[in-house]
């Protein structure tokens, strides 16, 4: 077993902001929402959850479109209108 270290750009919120959402854990377990764990074996309360964005884009227009799509999908899944872009380490 090894440790994987990477980083993610996520449109979302810290887990705690969605903790009262009834099916948040199921959405994470099923891969409906993405997550980033800031340190090895961190509890979910420390995670960032939302929609994972690509690490590379061809240009500004593609970045803007990806953010718009991620925001719309995040809001539809969670009902949370206050998502934001978060860069986080992802240590698993």
C-alpha atoms as a PDB file:
ATOM      1  CA  UNK A   1       0.000   0.000   0.000  1.00  0.00           C
ATOM      2  CA  UNK A   2       1.373   3.394  -0.945  1.00  0.00           C
ATOM      3  CA  UNK A   3       0.440   7.000  -0.605  1.00  0.00           C
ATOM      4  CA  UNK A   4      -0.705   8.907  -3.661  1.00  0.00           C
ATOM      5  CA  UNK A   5      -0.100  12.665  -3.712  1.00  0.00           C
ATOM      6  CA  UNK A   6      -1.692  14.966  -6.256  1.00  0.00           C
ATOM      7  CA  UNK A   7      -3.731  18.152  -6.403  1.00  0.00           C
ATOM      8  CA  UNK A   8      -7.227  18.930  -7.622  1.00  0.00           C
ATOM      9  CA  UNK A   9      -9.115  21.969  -8.807  1.00  0.00           C
ATOM     10  CA  UNK A  10     -12.688  21.525  -7.618  1.00  0.00           C
ATOM     11  CA  UNK A  11     -15.762  23.666  -7.959  1.00  0.00           C
ATOM     12  CA  UNK A  12     -17.402  23.011  -4.629  1.00  0.00           C
ATOM     13  CA  UNK A  13     -17.188  23.600  -0.901  1.00  0.00           C
ATOM     14  CA  UNK A  14     -15.611  22.066   2.190  1.00  0.00           C
ATOM     15  CA  UNK A  15     -17.524  18.928   3.256  1.00  0.00           C
ATOM     16  CA  UNK A  16     -18.802  20.614   6.409  1.00  0.00           C
ATOM     17  CA  UNK A  17     -20.854  23.050   4.331  1.00  0.00           C
ATOM     18  CA  UNK A  18     -22.802  20.117   2.872  1.00  0.00           C
ATOM     19  CA  UNK A  19     -22.802  17.855   5.939  1.00  0.00           C
ATOM     20  CA  UNK A  20     -26.540  18.330   6.424  1.00  0.00           C
ATOM     21  CA  UNK A  21     -27.302  17.260   2.843  1.00  0.00           C
ATOM     22  CA  UNK A  22     -29.129  13.961   3.291  1.00  0.00           C
ATOM     23  CA  UNK A  23     -27.309  11.914   0.632  1.00  0.00           C
ATOM     24  CA  UNK A  24     -23.860  13.564   0.615  1.00  0.00           C
ATOM     25  CA  UNK A  25     -22.039  10.393   1.691  1.00  0.00           C
ATOM     26  CA  UNK A  26     -23.793   8.281  -0.939  1.00  0.00           C
ATOM     27  CA  UNK A  27     -22.933  10.815  -3.654  1.00  0.00           C
ATOM     28  CA  UNK A  28     -19.268  10.655  -2.608  1.00  0.00           C
ATOM     29  CA  UNK A  29     -19.250   6.845  -2.346  1.00  0.00           C
ATOM     30  CA  UNK A  30     -20.909   6.497  -5.765  1.00  0.00           C
ATOM     31  CA  UNK A  31     -18.581   9.031  -7.417  1.00  0.00           C
ATOM     32  CA  UNK A  32     -21.377  11.474  -8.216  1.00  0.00           C
ATOM     33  CA  UNK A  33     -19.390  14.176  -6.398  1.00  0.00           C
ATOM     34  CA  UNK A  34     -15.602  14.332  -6.421  1.00  0.00           C
ATOM     35  CA  UNK A  35     -13.471  14.961  -3.373  1.00  0.00           C
ATOM     36  CA  UNK A  36      -9.970  15.942  -2.339  1.00  0.00           C
ATOM     37  CA  UNK A  37      -8.382  14.744   0.888  1.00  0.00           C
ATOM     38  CA  UNK A  38      -5.904  17.355   2.181  1.00  0.00           C
ATOM     39  CA  UNK A  39      -3.807  14.818   4.090  1.00  0.00           C
ATOM     40  CA  UNK A  40      -3.462  11.044   4.344  1.00  0.00           C
ATOM     41  CA  UNK A  41      -6.389   9.333   6.049  1.00  0.00           C
ATOM     42  CA  UNK A  42      -8.192  12.615   6.718  1.00  0.00           C
ATOM     43  CA  UNK A  43     -11.797  12.378   7.897  1.00  0.00           C
ATOM     44  CA  UNK A  44     -14.515  13.477   5.486  1.00  0.00           C
ATOM     45  CA  UNK A  45     -15.075  16.588   7.574  1.00  0.00           C
ATOM     46  CA  UNK A  46     -11.698  17.820   6.232  1.00  0.00           C
ATOM     47  CA  UNK A  47     -12.415  17.043   2.559  1.00  0.00           C
ATOM     48  CA  UNK A  48     -13.270  19.432  -0.256  1.00  0.00           C
ATOM     49  CA  UNK A  49     -16.221  18.123  -2.280  1.00  0.00           C
ATOM     50  CA  UNK A  50     -17.677  19.152  -5.609  1.00  0.00           C
ATOM     51  CA  UNK A  51     -17.001  18.781  -9.311  1.00  0.00           C
ATOM     52  CA  UNK A  52     -13.394  18.059 -10.328  1.00  0.00           C
ATOM     53  CA  UNK A  53     -12.054  20.212 -13.150  1.00  0.00           C
ATOM     54  CA  UNK A  54      -9.403  19.219 -15.664  1.00  0.00           C
ATOM     55  CA  UNK A  55      -5.781  20.102 -15.037  1.00  0.00           C
ATOM     56  CA  UNK A  56      -5.302  21.420 -18.597  1.00  0.00           C
ATOM     57  CA  UNK A  57      -7.289  23.639 -20.926  1.00  0.00           C
ATOM     58  CA  UNK A  58      -6.492  24.904 -24.407  1.00  0.00           C
ATOM     59  CA  UNK A  59      -7.496  28.465 -23.653  1.00  0.00           C
ATOM     60  CA  UNK A  60      -9.508  30.942 -21.647  1.00  0.00           C
ATOM     61  CA  UNK A  61     -12.851  30.139 -23.287  1.00  0.00           C
ATOM     62  CA  UNK A  62     -12.522  26.454 -22.378  1.00  0.00           C
ATOM     63  CA  UNK A  63     -11.726  27.321 -18.747  1.00  0.00           C
ATOM     64  CA  UNK A  64     -14.746  29.598 -18.456  1.00  0.00           C
ATOM     65  CA  UNK A  65     -17.053  27.004 -20.030  1.00  0.00           C
ATOM     66  CA  UNK A  66     -15.748  24.240 -17.740  1.00  0.00           C
ATOM     67  CA  UNK A  67     -16.325  26.399 -14.655  1.00  0.00           C
ATOM     68  CA  UNK A  68     -19.865  27.259 -15.786  1.00  0.00           C
ATOM     69  CA  UNK A  69     -20.684  23.585 -16.382  1.00  0.00           C
ATOM     70  CA  UNK A  70     -19.192  22.542 -13.048  1.00  0.00           C
ATOM     71  CA  UNK A  71     -21.121  25.265 -11.201  1.00  0.00           C
ATOM     72  CA  UNK A  72     -24.408  24.256 -12.822  1.00  0.00           C
ATOM     73  CA  UNK A  73     -23.860  20.551 -12.102  1.00  0.00           C
ATOM     74  CA  UNK A  74     -22.799  21.243  -8.503  1.00  0.00           C
ATOM     75  CA  UNK A  75     -25.849  23.420  -7.847  1.00  0.00           C
ATOM     76  CA  UNK A  76     -28.210  20.841  -9.401  1.00  0.00           C
ATOM     77  CA  UNK A  77     -26.739  17.995  -7.325  1.00  0.00           C
ATOM     78  CA  UNK A  78     -26.518  19.787  -4.000  1.00  0.00           C
ATOM     79  CA  UNK A  79     -28.904  22.737  -4.093  1.00  0.00           C
ATOM     80  CA  UNK A  80     -25.941  24.748  -2.785  1.00  0.00           C
ATOM     81  CA  UNK A  81     -25.628  28.071  -4.629  1.00  0.00           C
ATOM     82  CA  UNK A  82     -22.373  29.162  -2.968  1.00  0.00           C
ATOM     83  CA  UNK A  83     -19.792  26.856  -4.537  1.00  0.00           C
ATOM     84  CA  UNK A  84     -16.376  28.225  -5.429  1.00  0.00           C
ATOM     85  CA  UNK A  85     -13.116  27.204  -7.078  1.00  0.00           C
ATOM     86  CA  UNK A  86     -10.857  25.465  -4.579  1.00  0.00           C
ATOM     87  CA  UNK A  87      -7.381  24.124  -5.193  1.00  0.00           C
ATOM     88  CA  UNK A  88      -6.558  21.342  -2.759  1.00  0.00           C
ATOM     89  CA  UNK A  89      -3.964  18.664  -2.257  1.00  0.00           C
ATOM     90  CA  UNK A  90      -5.386  15.156  -2.659  1.00  0.00           C
ATOM     91  CA  UNK A  91      -3.507  12.660  -0.539  1.00  0.00           C
ATOM     92  CA  UNK A  92      -4.805   9.089  -0.571  1.00  0.00           C
END
